[in-house]
């Protein structure tokens, strides 16, 4: 498993390099939208989204939405779980 990176979150958890980069980015910058993560990491949108869902399923991160008071869909933000 040369393509896995170990990170300690209480137990041995193995993350892919993109998942590791997502977690580090969220640690350093706080909540991000998917669009901001794509721009920050220079990675395709679908790759970011797929890995965000995997990290959410493993309970490392969570998403929340904010309505800016205008019509349309609210912005969805991702952040590390407390």
C-alpha atoms as a PDB file:
ATOM      1  CA  UNK A   1       0.000   0.000   0.000  1.00  0.00           C
ATOM      2  CA  UNK A   2       2.510   2.537  -1.144  1.00  0.00           C
ATOM      3  CA  UNK A   3      -0.214   5.024  -2.059  1.00  0.00           C
ATOM      4  CA  UNK A   4      -1.638   5.333   1.473  1.00  0.00           C
ATOM      5  CA  UNK A   5      -0.676   7.850   4.136  1.00  0.00           C
ATOM      6  CA  UNK A   6      -1.052   7.121   7.831  1.00  0.00           C
ATOM      7  CA  UNK A   7      -2.575   9.779  10.048  1.00  0.00           C
ATOM      8  CA  UNK A   8      -3.367   9.411  13.707  1.00  0.00           C
ATOM      9  CA  UNK A   9      -6.953  10.213  14.691  1.00  0.00           C
ATOM     10  CA  UNK A  10      -7.070   8.134  17.851  1.00  0.00           C
ATOM     11  CA  UNK A  11      -6.426   4.876  16.035  1.00  0.00           C
ATOM     12  CA  UNK A  12      -4.642   3.738  12.915  1.00  0.00           C
ATOM     13  CA  UNK A  13      -6.467   5.213   9.960  1.00  0.00           C
ATOM     14  CA  UNK A  14      -5.156   5.097   6.422  1.00  0.00           C
ATOM     15  CA  UNK A  15      -5.895   7.889   3.999  1.00  0.00           C
ATOM     16  CA  UNK A  16      -5.129   8.395   0.353  1.00  0.00           C
ATOM     17  CA  UNK A  17      -2.947  11.413  -0.460  1.00  0.00           C
ATOM     18  CA  UNK A  18      -5.965  13.431  -1.648  1.00  0.00           C
ATOM     19  CA  UNK A  19      -7.864  12.634   1.562  1.00  0.00           C
ATOM     20  CA  UNK A  20      -4.842  13.655   3.601  1.00  0.00           C
ATOM     21  CA  UNK A  21      -4.613  16.936   1.654  1.00  0.00           C
ATOM     22  CA  UNK A  22      -8.327  17.586   2.170  1.00  0.00           C
ATOM     23  CA  UNK A  23      -8.017  17.112   5.928  1.00  0.00           C
ATOM     24  CA  UNK A  24      -4.908  19.298   6.146  1.00  0.00           C
ATOM     25  CA  UNK A  25      -6.607  22.040   4.114  1.00  0.00           C
ATOM     26  CA  UNK A  26      -9.708  21.931   6.315  1.00  0.00           C
ATOM     27  CA  UNK A  27      -7.523  22.022   9.447  1.00  0.00           C
ATOM     28  CA  UNK A  28      -5.684  25.112   8.255  1.00  0.00           C
ATOM     29  CA  UNK A  29      -8.530  27.086   6.733  1.00  0.00           C
ATOM     30  CA  UNK A  30     -11.778  26.208   8.401  1.00  0.00           C
ATOM     31  CA  UNK A  31     -14.993  25.534   6.492  1.00  0.00           C
ATOM     32  CA  UNK A  32     -14.655  25.404   2.704  1.00  0.00           C
ATOM     33  CA  UNK A  33     -17.117  24.967  -0.125  1.00  0.00           C
ATOM     34  CA  UNK A  34     -16.381  22.260  -2.667  1.00  0.00           C
ATOM     35  CA  UNK A  35     -15.593  24.953  -5.232  1.00  0.00           C
ATOM     36  CA  UNK A  36     -13.016  26.529  -2.917  1.00  0.00           C
ATOM     37  CA  UNK A  37     -11.416  23.127  -2.248  1.00  0.00           C
ATOM     38  CA  UNK A  38     -11.174  22.446  -5.989  1.00  0.00           C
ATOM     39  CA  UNK A  39      -9.421  25.769  -6.478  1.00  0.00           C
ATOM     40  CA  UNK A  40      -7.156  25.358  -3.430  1.00  0.00           C
ATOM     41  CA  UNK A  41      -6.034  21.799  -4.236  1.00  0.00           C
ATOM     42  CA  UNK A  42      -6.151  22.103  -8.044  1.00  0.00           C
ATOM     43  CA  UNK A  43      -7.990  18.775  -8.277  1.00  0.00           C
ATOM     44  CA  UNK A  44     -11.042  17.795 -10.360  1.00  0.00           C
ATOM     45  CA  UNK A  45     -14.433  18.535  -8.805  1.00  0.00           C
ATOM     46  CA  UNK A  46     -15.644  14.930  -8.871  1.00  0.00           C
ATOM     47  CA  UNK A  47     -12.454  13.655  -7.224  1.00  0.00           C
ATOM     48  CA  UNK A  48     -12.857  16.187  -4.423  1.00  0.00           C
ATOM     49  CA  UNK A  49     -16.532  15.327  -3.940  1.00  0.00           C
ATOM     50  CA  UNK A  50     -15.982  11.552  -3.943  1.00  0.00           C
ATOM     51  CA  UNK A  51     -13.269  11.865  -1.313  1.00  0.00           C
ATOM     52  CA  UNK A  52     -15.315  14.294   0.790  1.00  0.00           C
ATOM     53  CA  UNK A  53     -18.097  11.700   0.902  1.00  0.00           C
ATOM     54  CA  UNK A  54     -15.637   8.965   1.898  1.00  0.00           C
ATOM     55  CA  UNK A  55     -14.259  11.121   4.709  1.00  0.00           C
ATOM     56  CA  UNK A  56     -17.781  12.009   5.820  1.00  0.00           C
ATOM     57  CA  UNK A  57     -18.712   8.335   5.925  1.00  0.00           C
ATOM     58  CA  UNK A  58     -15.647   7.678   8.112  1.00  0.00           C
ATOM     59  CA  UNK A  59     -16.805  10.566  10.355  1.00  0.00           C
ATOM     60  CA  UNK A  60     -13.721  12.750   9.878  1.00  0.00           C
ATOM     61  CA  UNK A  61     -15.617  15.663   8.354  1.00  0.00           C
ATOM     62  CA  UNK A  62     -19.155  17.003   8.189  1.00  0.00           C
ATOM     63  CA  UNK A  63     -21.086  19.282   5.896  1.00  0.00           C
ATOM     64  CA  UNK A  64     -23.497  22.085   6.641  1.00  0.00           C
ATOM     65  CA  UNK A  65     -25.295  24.655   4.559  1.00  0.00           C
ATOM     66  CA  UNK A  66     -25.862  28.372   4.856  1.00  0.00           C
ATOM     67  CA  UNK A  67     -28.584  30.316   3.162  1.00  0.00           C
ATOM     68  CA  UNK A  68     -27.427  33.749   2.094  1.00  0.00           C
ATOM     69  CA  UNK A  69     -30.973  35.127   2.025  1.00  0.00           C
ATOM     70  CA  UNK A  70     -31.255  34.982  -1.736  1.00  0.00           C
ATOM     71  CA  UNK A  71     -33.044  32.612  -4.054  1.00  0.00           C
ATOM     72  CA  UNK A  72     -31.407  29.406  -5.132  1.00  0.00           C
ATOM     73  CA  UNK A  73     -29.548  26.641  -3.444  1.00  0.00           C
ATOM     74  CA  UNK A  74     -27.736  27.399  -0.213  1.00  0.00           C
ATOM     75  CA  UNK A  75     -23.949  27.087  -0.127  1.00  0.00           C
ATOM     76  CA  UNK A  76     -22.705  23.769   1.267  1.00  0.00           C
ATOM     77  CA  UNK A  77     -19.613  23.948   3.467  1.00  0.00           C
ATOM     78  CA  UNK A  78     -17.329  21.158   4.676  1.00  0.00           C
ATOM     79  CA  UNK A  79     -15.441  21.191   7.980  1.00  0.00           C
ATOM     80  CA  UNK A  80     -13.615  18.842  10.322  1.00  0.00           C
ATOM     81  CA  UNK A  81     -15.703  17.171  12.975  1.00  0.00           C
ATOM     82  CA  UNK A  82     -15.110  18.427  16.504  1.00  0.00           C
END
